[in-house]
C-alpha atoms as a PDB file:
ATOM      1  CA  MET A   1     -80.629   4.183 238.340  1.00  0.00           C
ATOM      2  CA  LYS A   2     -81.386   3.539 241.643  1.00  0.00           C
ATOM      3  CA  ARG A   3     -84.268   1.126 239.940  1.00  0.00           C
ATOM      4  CA  SER A   4     -82.091  -0.486 237.959  1.00  0.00           C
ATOM      5  CA  LYS A   5     -79.365  -1.188 240.558  1.00  0.00           C
ATOM      6  CA  SER A   6     -82.139  -2.579 243.314  1.00  0.00           C
ATOM      7  CA  GLN A   7     -83.331  -4.793 240.454  1.00  0.00           C
ATOM      8  CA  PHE A   8     -79.783  -6.444 240.049  1.00  0.00           C
ATOM      9  CA  VAL A   9     -79.475  -6.849 243.737  1.00  0.00           C
ATOM     10  CA  LEU A  10     -83.356  -8.576 243.720  1.00  0.00           C
ATOM     11  CA  ASN A  11     -82.500 -10.818 241.106  1.00  0.00           C
ATOM     12  CA  ASN A  12     -79.021 -11.940 242.930  1.00  0.00           C
ATOM     13  CA  LEU A  13     -81.031 -12.470 246.057  1.00  0.00           C
ATOM     14  CA  VAL A  14     -83.851 -14.819 243.935  1.00  0.00           C
ATOM     15  CA  LEU A  15     -80.501 -16.287 242.037  1.00  0.00           C
ATOM     16  CA  THR A  16     -78.767 -17.177 245.410  1.00  0.00           C
ATOM     17  CA  LEU A  17     -81.750 -18.793 247.238  1.00  0.00           C
ATOM     18  CA  ILE A  18     -82.584 -20.932 244.518  1.00  0.00           C
ATOM     19  CA  SER A  19     -78.701 -21.981 244.156  1.00  0.00           C
ATOM     20  CA  LEU A  20     -79.110 -22.793 248.026  1.00  0.00           C
ATOM     21  CA  LEU A  21     -82.628 -24.656 247.203  1.00  0.00           C
ATOM     22  CA  LEU A  22     -80.927 -26.955 244.662  1.00  0.00           C
ATOM     23  CA  CYS A  23     -77.454 -27.719 247.321  1.00  0.00           C
ATOM     24  CA  LEU A  24     -79.657 -28.748 249.663  1.00  0.00           C
ATOM     25  CA  PRO A  25     -79.733 -32.595 248.588  1.00  0.00           C
ATOM     26  CA  PHE A  26     -75.683 -32.240 247.883  1.00  0.00           C
ATOM     27  CA  ILE A  27     -75.259 -31.325 251.684  1.00  0.00           C
ATOM     28  CA  TRP A  28     -77.256 -33.476 252.888  1.00  0.00           C
ATOM     29  CA  MET A  29     -75.565 -36.405 251.542  1.00  0.00           C
ATOM     30  CA  ILE A  30     -72.000 -34.853 252.653  1.00  0.00           C
ATOM     31  CA  LEU A  31     -73.277 -34.732 256.048  1.00  0.00           C
ATOM     32  CA  THR A  32     -75.096 -37.912 256.292  1.00  0.00           C
ATOM     33  CA  SER A  33     -71.860 -39.661 255.201  1.00  0.00           C
ATOM     34  CA  LEU A  34     -70.541 -38.811 258.110  1.00  0.00           C
ATOM     35  CA  LYS A  35     -72.906 -39.728 260.986  1.00  0.00           C
ATOM     36  CA  PRO A  36     -73.034 -43.385 262.283  1.00  0.00           C
ATOM     37  CA  LEU A  37     -75.751 -45.615 261.129  1.00  0.00           C
ATOM     38  CA  GLU A  38     -78.024 -45.560 263.867  1.00  0.00           C
ATOM     39  CA  ASP A  39     -78.413 -41.601 263.684  1.00  0.00           C
ATOM     40  CA  VAL A  40     -79.058 -41.373 259.798  1.00  0.00           C
ATOM     41  CA  GLY A  41     -82.940 -41.411 260.227  1.00  0.00           C
ATOM     42  CA  LYS A  42     -83.267 -38.847 262.727  1.00  0.00           C
ATOM     43  CA  ALA A  43     -84.354 -35.647 262.057  1.00  0.00           C
ATOM     44  CA  GLU A  44     -80.976 -33.613 262.910  1.00  0.00           C
ATOM     45  CA  TRP A  45     -79.347 -32.828 260.154  1.00  0.00           C
ATOM     46  CA  TRP A  46     -75.609 -31.982 261.675  1.00  0.00           C
ATOM     47  CA  PRO A  47     -74.082 -34.936 262.910  1.00  0.00           C
ATOM     48  CA  LYS A  48     -73.285 -35.114 266.770  1.00  0.00           C
ATOM     49  CA  ILE A  49     -70.622 -36.978 265.946  1.00  0.00           C
ATOM     50  CA  PHE A  50     -68.389 -36.378 262.418  1.00  0.00           C
ATOM     51  CA  LEU A  51     -67.238 -40.268 261.538  1.00  0.00           C
ATOM     52  CA  TRP A  52     -64.472 -39.476 258.876  1.00  0.00           C
ATOM     53  CA  SER A  53     -63.874 -43.487 259.703  1.00  0.00           C
ATOM     54  CA  ASN A  54     -67.186 -44.133 256.962  1.00  0.00           C
ATOM     55  CA  TYR A  55     -64.811 -43.120 253.717  1.00  0.00           C
ATOM     56  CA  LYS A  56     -61.928 -45.331 254.598  1.00  0.00           C
ATOM     57  CA  THR A  57     -64.757 -48.139 255.615  1.00  0.00           C
ATOM     58  CA  ILE A  58     -65.695 -48.198 252.105  1.00  0.00           C
ATOM     59  CA  PHE A  59     -62.502 -48.874 250.206  1.00  0.00           C
ATOM     60  CA  THR A  60     -61.647 -51.582 253.408  1.00  0.00           C
ATOM     61  CA  THR A  61     -64.898 -53.324 253.920  1.00  0.00           C
ATOM     62  CA  GLU A  62     -63.836 -56.911 252.580  1.00  0.00           C
ATOM     63  CA  HIS A  63     -67.097 -57.581 250.196  1.00  0.00           C
ATOM     64  CA  ILE A  64     -67.079 -53.775 248.834  1.00  0.00           C
ATOM     65  CA  HIS A  65     -64.728 -53.484 246.312  1.00  0.00           C
ATOM     66  CA  TYR A  66     -65.044 -49.719 245.805  1.00  0.00           C
ATOM     67  CA  GLY A  67     -61.017 -48.731 244.840  1.00  0.00           C
ATOM     68  CA  ARG A  68     -61.627 -51.486 242.127  1.00  0.00           C
ATOM     69  CA  TRP A  69     -65.088 -49.950 240.629  1.00  0.00           C
ATOM     70  CA  TYR A  70     -63.668 -46.541 241.342  1.00  0.00           C
ATOM     71  CA  PHE A  71     -61.268 -47.182 238.930  1.00  0.00           C
ATOM     72  CA  ASN A  72     -62.963 -49.225 236.518  1.00  0.00           C
ATOM     73  CA  SER A  73     -65.584 -46.417 236.268  1.00  0.00           C
ATOM     74  CA  LEU A  74     -62.484 -43.666 235.409  1.00  0.00           C
ATOM     75  CA  PHE A  75     -60.852 -45.938 233.496  1.00  0.00           C
ATOM     76  CA  ILE A  76     -63.504 -46.738 230.871  1.00  0.00           C
ATOM     77  CA  ALA A  77     -64.814 -43.345 230.805  1.00  0.00           C
ATOM     78  CA  PHE A  78     -61.650 -41.788 230.194  1.00  0.00           C
ATOM     79  CA  CYS A  79     -61.026 -44.422 227.026  1.00  0.00           C
ATOM     80  CA  VAL A  80     -64.562 -43.971 225.677  1.00  0.00           C
ATOM     81  CA  THR A  81     -63.757 -40.437 225.854  1.00  0.00           C
ATOM     82  CA  PHE A  82     -60.557 -40.338 224.202  1.00  0.00           C
ATOM     83  CA  LEU A  83     -61.762 -43.104 221.176  1.00  0.00           C
ATOM     84  CA  GLN A  84     -65.228 -40.929 220.391  1.00  0.00           C
ATOM     85  CA  VAL A  85     -63.456 -37.747 220.545  1.00  0.00           C
ATOM     86  CA  ILE A  86     -61.175 -39.235 217.843  1.00  0.00           C
ATOM     87  CA  THR A  87     -63.841 -40.982 215.901  1.00  0.00           C
ATOM     88  CA  SER A  88     -66.036 -37.996 215.638  1.00  0.00           C
ATOM     89  CA  SER A  89     -64.179 -35.291 214.832  1.00  0.00           C
ATOM     90  CA  LEU A  90     -62.556 -37.097 211.912  1.00  0.00           C
ATOM     91  CA  ALA A  91     -65.839 -38.252 210.864  1.00  0.00           C
ATOM     92  CA  ALA A  92     -67.193 -34.618 210.899  1.00  0.00           C
ATOM     93  CA  PHE A  93     -63.824 -33.141 209.194  1.00  0.00           C
ATOM     94  CA  GLY A  94     -64.776 -36.277 206.457  1.00  0.00           C
ATOM     95  CA  PHE A  95     -68.500 -34.694 206.664  1.00  0.00           C
ATOM     96  CA  SER A  96     -68.091 -30.885 206.575  1.00  0.00           C
ATOM     97  CA  ARG A  97     -64.657 -30.038 204.664  1.00  0.00           C
ATOM     98  CA  ILE A  98     -64.488 -32.980 201.979  1.00  0.00           C
ATOM     99  CA  LYS A  99     -67.064 -33.333 199.024  1.00  0.00           C
ATOM    100  CA  TRP A 100     -67.893 -36.403 197.891  1.00  0.00           C
ATOM    101  CA  LYS A 101     -70.893 -37.787 196.507  1.00  0.00           C
ATOM    102  CA  TRP A 102     -73.831 -38.131 198.372  1.00  0.00           C
ATOM    103  CA  ARG A 103     -72.190 -37.080 201.552  1.00  0.00           C
ATOM    104  CA  ASP A 104     -75.216 -34.842 202.663  1.00  0.00           C
ATOM    105  CA  ARG A 105     -77.270 -37.534 202.168  1.00  0.00           C
ATOM    106  CA  ILE A 106     -75.170 -40.225 204.227  1.00  0.00           C
ATOM    107  CA  PHE A 107     -75.051 -37.552 207.010  1.00  0.00           C
ATOM    108  CA  LEU A 108     -78.607 -37.559 206.791  1.00  0.00           C
ATOM    109  CA  LEU A 109     -78.861 -40.957 207.521  1.00  0.00           C
ATOM    110  CA  TYR A 110     -76.029 -41.120 210.045  1.00  0.00           C
ATOM    111  CA  LEU A 111     -78.077 -38.407 212.292  1.00  0.00           C
ATOM    112  CA  ALA A 112     -81.024 -40.559 211.965  1.00  0.00           C
ATOM    113  CA  THR A 113     -79.806 -42.870 214.073  1.00  0.00           C
ATOM    114  CA  MET A 114     -79.835 -40.581 216.919  1.00  0.00           C
ATOM    115  CA  MET A 115     -83.794 -41.164 217.034  1.00  0.00           C
ATOM    116  CA  VAL A 116     -83.396 -44.740 217.624  1.00  0.00           C
ATOM    117  CA  PRO A 117     -83.515 -45.268 221.733  1.00  0.00           C
ATOM    118  CA  ALA A 118     -80.733 -46.727 223.151  1.00  0.00           C
ATOM    119  CA  LEU A 119     -82.501 -49.264 225.096  1.00  0.00           C
ATOM    120  CA  ILE A 120     -83.471 -50.516 221.640  1.00  0.00           C
ATOM    121  CA  LEU A 121     -80.004 -51.051 219.849  1.00  0.00           C
ATOM    122  CA  MET A 122     -78.943 -52.630 223.191  1.00  0.00           C
ATOM    123  CA  ILE A 123     -80.021 -56.009 222.097  1.00  0.00           C
ATOM    124  CA  PRO A 124     -77.838 -55.671 218.857  1.00  0.00           C
ATOM    125  CA  ASN A 125     -74.829 -54.394 220.523  1.00  0.00           C
ATOM    126  CA  PHE A 126     -75.284 -57.410 222.852  1.00  0.00           C
ATOM    127  CA  GLN A 127     -75.433 -60.113 220.055  1.00  0.00           C
ATOM    128  CA  ILE A 128     -72.397 -58.238 218.020  1.00  0.00           C
ATOM    129  CA  MET A 129     -70.677 -58.477 221.654  1.00  0.00           C
ATOM    130  CA  ILE A 130     -70.775 -62.244 222.118  1.00  0.00           C
ATOM    131  CA  GLU A 131     -69.929 -63.023 218.223  1.00  0.00           C
ATOM    132  CA  MET A 132     -66.684 -60.856 218.994  1.00  0.00           C
ATOM    133  CA  GLY A 133     -66.152 -62.668 222.596  1.00  0.00           C
ATOM    134  CA  LEU A 134     -66.365 -59.380 224.290  1.00  0.00           C
ATOM    135  CA  ILE A 135     -68.588 -59.921 227.214  1.00  0.00           C
ATOM    136  CA  ASP A 136     -67.610 -59.575 230.534  1.00  0.00           C
ATOM    137  CA  SER A 137     -64.678 -57.257 229.314  1.00  0.00           C
ATOM    138  CA  TYR A 138     -63.565 -53.389 229.095  1.00  0.00           C
ATOM    139  CA  LEU A 139     -63.821 -53.857 225.414  1.00  0.00           C
ATOM    140  CA  GLY A 140     -67.336 -54.727 225.617  1.00  0.00           C
ATOM    141  CA  LEU A 141     -67.894 -51.647 227.159  1.00  0.00           C
ATOM    142  CA  ILE A 142     -65.585 -49.250 225.342  1.00  0.00           C
ATOM    143  CA  ILE A 143     -66.278 -50.205 221.965  1.00  0.00           C
ATOM    144  CA  PRO A 144     -69.495 -49.850 221.705  1.00  0.00           C
ATOM    145  CA  ALA A 145     -69.740 -46.431 223.232  1.00  0.00           C
ATOM    146  CA  SER A 146     -66.526 -45.113 221.257  1.00  0.00           C
ATOM    147  CA  PHE A 147     -68.721 -43.807 217.883  1.00  0.00           C
ATOM    148  CA  SER A 148     -71.270 -41.096 218.537  1.00  0.00           C
ATOM    149  CA  ALA A 149     -73.747 -39.838 215.835  1.00  0.00           C
ATOM    150  CA  PHE A 150     -74.201 -36.870 218.618  1.00  0.00           C
ATOM    151  CA  GLY A 151     -70.667 -36.374 218.797  1.00  0.00           C
ATOM    152  CA  THR A 152     -70.145 -36.253 215.274  1.00  0.00           C
ATOM    153  CA  PHE A 153     -73.055 -33.513 214.697  1.00  0.00           C
ATOM    154  CA  LEU A 154     -71.579 -31.334 217.226  1.00  0.00           C
ATOM    155  CA  ILE A 155     -68.090 -31.367 215.783  1.00  0.00           C
ATOM    156  CA  ARG A 156     -69.216 -30.924 212.389  1.00  0.00           C
ATOM    157  CA  GLN A 157     -71.424 -27.782 213.130  1.00  0.00           C
ATOM    158  CA  PHE A 158     -67.822 -26.079 214.366  1.00  0.00           C
ATOM    159  CA  MET A 159     -65.632 -27.700 211.234  1.00  0.00           C
ATOM    160  CA  MET A 160     -68.772 -25.686 209.118  1.00  0.00           C
ATOM    161  CA  SER A 161     -68.085 -22.363 210.919  1.00  0.00           C
ATOM    162  CA  ILE A 162     -64.691 -22.342 209.713  1.00  0.00           C
ATOM    163  CA  PRO A 163     -63.636 -20.504 206.448  1.00  0.00           C
ATOM    164  CA  LYS A 164     -62.626 -22.562 203.553  1.00  0.00           C
ATOM    165  CA  SER A 165     -59.623 -20.328 202.927  1.00  0.00           C
ATOM    166  CA  PHE A 166     -58.083 -21.923 205.146  1.00  0.00           C
ATOM    167  CA  ASP A 167     -57.929 -25.151 203.482  1.00  0.00           C
ATOM    168  CA  GLU A 168     -56.896 -23.684 199.988  1.00  0.00           C
ATOM    169  CA  ALA A 169     -54.181 -21.903 201.370  1.00  0.00           C
ATOM    170  CA  ALA A 170     -52.976 -24.962 203.441  1.00  0.00           C
ATOM    171  CA  GLU A 171     -53.454 -27.125 200.310  1.00  0.00           C
ATOM    172  CA  ILE A 172     -51.441 -24.104 198.368  1.00  0.00           C
ATOM    173  CA  ASP A 173     -48.341 -24.726 200.772  1.00  0.00           C
ATOM    174  CA  GLY A 174     -48.592 -28.296 200.038  1.00  0.00           C
ATOM    175  CA  ALA A 175     -50.627 -29.731 203.199  1.00  0.00           C
ATOM    176  CA  ASN A 176     -52.406 -33.197 202.449  1.00  0.00           C
ATOM    177  CA  SER A 177     -55.689 -33.865 203.910  1.00  0.00           C
ATOM    178  CA  TRP A 178     -54.255 -35.321 207.249  1.00  0.00           C
ATOM    179  CA  GLN A 179     -52.349 -32.214 207.818  1.00  0.00           C
ATOM    180  CA  VAL A 180     -55.159 -30.174 207.182  1.00  0.00           C
ATOM    181  CA  PHE A 181     -57.178 -31.849 209.590  1.00  0.00           C
ATOM    182  CA  TRP A 182     -54.493 -32.172 212.359  1.00  0.00           C
ATOM    183  CA  GLN A 183     -53.045 -28.731 212.197  1.00  0.00           C
ATOM    184  CA  ILE A 184     -55.863 -26.490 211.208  1.00  0.00           C
ATOM    185  CA  ILE A 185     -58.792 -27.632 211.742  1.00  0.00           C
ATOM    186  CA  LEU A 186     -58.863 -29.394 214.744  1.00  0.00           C
ATOM    187  CA  PRO A 187     -57.073 -26.849 216.831  1.00  0.00           C
ATOM    188  CA  LEU A 188     -59.912 -24.747 215.635  1.00  0.00           C
ATOM    189  CA  SER A 189     -62.590 -26.436 216.682  1.00  0.00           C
ATOM    190  CA  ARG A 190     -61.259 -26.725 220.017  1.00  0.00           C
ATOM    191  CA  PRO A 191     -64.320 -25.566 222.014  1.00  0.00           C
ATOM    192  CA  GLY A 192     -66.666 -28.247 220.538  1.00  0.00           C
ATOM    193  CA  LEU A 193     -63.770 -30.956 221.475  1.00  0.00           C
ATOM    194  CA  ILE A 194     -63.939 -29.857 224.785  1.00  0.00           C
ATOM    195  CA  THR A 195     -67.808 -29.736 224.959  1.00  0.00           C
ATOM    196  CA  LEU A 196     -68.013 -33.087 223.871  1.00  0.00           C
ATOM    197  CA  THR A 197     -65.333 -34.197 226.500  1.00  0.00           C
ATOM    198  CA  ILE A 198     -67.671 -33.093 228.814  1.00  0.00           C
ATOM    199  CA  PHE A 199     -70.831 -34.467 227.808  1.00  0.00           C
ATOM    200  CA  THR A 200     -68.854 -37.975 227.069  1.00  0.00           C
ATOM    201  CA  PHE A 201     -66.919 -38.071 230.347  1.00  0.00           C
ATOM    202  CA  MET A 202     -70.061 -37.504 232.329  1.00  0.00           C
ATOM    203  CA  GLY A 203     -72.774 -40.117 230.041  1.00  0.00           C
ATOM    204  CA  ASN A 204     -70.071 -42.370 230.567  1.00  0.00           C
ATOM    205  CA  TYR A 205     -69.166 -42.988 233.900  1.00  0.00           C
ATOM    206  CA  ASN A 206     -72.421 -42.894 235.003  1.00  0.00           C
ATOM    207  CA  SER A 207     -73.708 -45.362 232.625  1.00  0.00           C
ATOM    208  CA  PHE A 208     -75.280 -48.214 234.253  1.00  0.00           C
ATOM    209  CA  PHE A 209     -77.826 -50.046 231.822  1.00  0.00           C
ATOM    210  CA  TRP A 210     -75.088 -51.470 229.629  1.00  0.00           C
ATOM    211  CA  PRO A 211     -72.375 -52.071 232.225  1.00  0.00           C
ATOM    212  CA  ILE A 212     -74.876 -53.957 234.125  1.00  0.00           C
ATOM    213  CA  VAL A 213     -76.030 -56.523 231.041  1.00  0.00           C
ATOM    214  CA  MET A 214     -72.456 -56.692 229.808  1.00  0.00           C
ATOM    215  CA  LEU A 215     -70.690 -57.414 233.015  1.00  0.00           C
ATOM    216  CA  LYS A 216     -70.620 -60.771 235.351  1.00  0.00           C
ATOM    217  CA  SER A 217     -67.385 -60.332 237.369  1.00  0.00           C
ATOM    218  CA  GLU A 218     -67.550 -58.483 240.538  1.00  0.00           C
ATOM    219  CA  HIS A 219     -63.860 -57.003 240.150  1.00  0.00           C
ATOM    220  CA  LYS A 220     -65.057 -55.688 236.748  1.00  0.00           C
ATOM    221  CA  TYR A 221     -67.939 -53.752 237.813  1.00  0.00           C
ATOM    222  CA  THR A 222     -68.428 -50.032 237.945  1.00  0.00           C
ATOM    223  CA  LEU A 223     -69.801 -47.464 240.685  1.00  0.00           C
ATOM    224  CA  PRO A 224     -73.157 -47.334 239.573  1.00  0.00           C
ATOM    225  CA  ILE A 225     -73.327 -50.947 239.677  1.00  0.00           C
ATOM    226  CA  GLY A 226     -71.215 -51.255 243.136  1.00  0.00           C
ATOM    227  CA  LEU A 227     -73.000 -49.030 244.850  1.00  0.00           C
ATOM    228  CA  LEU A 228     -75.851 -51.146 244.834  1.00  0.00           C
ATOM    229  CA  PHE A 229     -73.723 -53.647 247.363  1.00  0.00           C
ATOM    230  CA  PHE A 230     -74.116 -51.239 250.257  1.00  0.00           C
ATOM    231  CA  GLU A 231     -77.311 -53.110 251.038  1.00  0.00           C
ATOM    232  CA  SER A 232     -76.513 -56.195 253.678  1.00  0.00           C
ATOM    233  CA  SER A 233     -78.959 -58.195 255.000  1.00  0.00           C
ATOM    234  CA  GLN A 234     -79.416 -56.164 258.200  1.00  0.00           C
ATOM    235  CA  GLY A 235     -80.619 -53.090 256.148  1.00  0.00           C
ATOM    236  CA  GLN A 236     -79.134 -50.592 253.613  1.00  0.00           C
ATOM    237  CA  GLN A 237     -75.705 -49.098 255.008  1.00  0.00           C
ATOM    238  CA  THR A 238     -77.215 -45.544 253.929  1.00  0.00           C
ATOM    239  CA  ASN A 239     -74.782 -43.820 255.719  1.00  0.00           C
ATOM    240  CA  LEU A 240     -71.655 -45.909 253.571  1.00  0.00           C
ATOM    241  CA  LEU A 241     -73.700 -45.422 250.573  1.00  0.00           C
ATOM    242  CA  MET A 242     -74.177 -41.256 251.037  1.00  0.00           C
ATOM    243  CA  ALA A 243     -70.206 -41.724 251.588  1.00  0.00           C
ATOM    244  CA  ALA A 244     -69.546 -43.384 248.382  1.00  0.00           C
ATOM    245  CA  ILE A 245     -71.488 -41.209 246.135  1.00  0.00           C
ATOM    246  CA  THR A 246     -69.968 -37.997 247.718  1.00  0.00           C
ATOM    247  CA  MET A 247     -67.042 -39.654 246.120  1.00  0.00           C
ATOM    248  CA  SER A 248     -67.953 -40.774 242.753  1.00  0.00           C
ATOM    249  CA  VAL A 249     -69.055 -37.318 242.398  1.00  0.00           C
ATOM    250  CA  ILE A 250     -65.876 -35.343 242.797  1.00  0.00           C
ATOM    251  CA  PRO A 251     -64.510 -36.615 239.033  1.00  0.00           C
ATOM    252  CA  MET A 252     -67.593 -34.790 237.660  1.00  0.00           C
ATOM    253  CA  ILE A 253     -67.186 -31.969 239.542  1.00  0.00           C
ATOM    254  CA  LEU A 254     -63.632 -32.069 238.943  1.00  0.00           C
ATOM    255  CA  VAL A 255     -64.111 -32.157 235.134  1.00  0.00           C
ATOM    256  CA  PHE A 256     -66.936 -29.661 234.983  1.00  0.00           C
ATOM    257  CA  VAL A 257     -64.832 -26.731 236.982  1.00  0.00           C
ATOM    258  CA  CYS A 258     -62.196 -27.230 235.420  1.00  0.00           C
ATOM    259  CA  LEU A 259     -63.632 -26.839 231.521  1.00  0.00           C
ATOM    260  CA  GLN A 260     -66.673 -24.854 232.729  1.00  0.00           C
ATOM    261  CA  LYS A 261     -65.759 -22.032 230.553  1.00  0.00           C
ATOM    262  CA  HIS A 262     -64.959 -23.881 227.426  1.00  0.00           C
ATOM    263  CA  LEU A 263     -68.234 -25.713 227.760  1.00  0.00           C
ATOM    264  CA  VAL A 264     -70.126 -22.599 228.206  1.00  0.00           C
ATOM    265  CA  LYS A 265     -68.384 -21.025 224.978  1.00  0.00           C
ATOM    266  CA  GLY A 266     -68.413 -24.280 223.133  1.00  0.00           C
ATOM    267  CA  ILE A 267     -72.111 -24.748 223.544  1.00  0.00           C
ATOM    268  CA  GLN A 268     -72.846 -20.799 222.246  1.00  0.00           C
ATOM    269  CA  LEU A 269     -70.637 -21.018 219.801  1.00  0.00           C
ATOM    270  CA  GLY A 270     -72.309 -24.224 218.145  1.00  0.00           C
ATOM    271  CA  GLY A 271     -75.338 -22.733 218.659  1.00  0.00           C
ATOM    272  CA  VAL A 272     -74.739 -19.868 217.022  1.00  0.00           C
ATOM    273  CA  LYS A 273     -72.660 -20.517 213.873  1.00  0.00           C
ATOM    274  CA  GLY A 274     -73.947 -24.218 213.221  1.00  0.00           C
END
């Protein structure tokens, strides 16, 4: 019993030390964001003066439209997340609950698209956006990212684990396919939907390559592109850059903290029942 208790304490101590080590870069980022520019390169971690005005400066600097870029990233991430959850759940319902000819074969072809690197798909997607006249627009960023083979696969795994008897009971009561999907299958797939929501939001909020290819207007830039503007003719404004990055990670932290229980549950259920 004593050995078990001492082992428990030792394990927690080791995990605590590892967690602190992993947090050091984040702590350094926050402390650097509160320093004057001339103190950034010095060895001292702790700021001599806490310059909270750095956070105000990133929003008020003339050539840096940080507030607009912040809005753009949040808006695009929310739109893509909403649409991808809808499209993935509808496709997953068709691949898991409805029987039709060659369903499984087509699903395998659908999954095969996950093997194609995203950078290769960027060229045909860009050509399609040119034909549709969506270059340098929000829709050009949102539409291609609104469909996901991974999201469909993830939600399908949850829907496959739901007993067919639920569908049959609803159909006996007179429910159509849409009612079965919306009122029964979708609520039961909630852990998978939340897991997909987190993955999609974080992935699109941090997206860099597709926005930098599609966008030309500065006021439409997203945060990952906007952070490049903290390089001035006098050198890199590291203190302002760290303040901007600190602000940019807040939405991801909030999403993860609020939904972390559902994320862990969703991954466990998807891995076991799928």
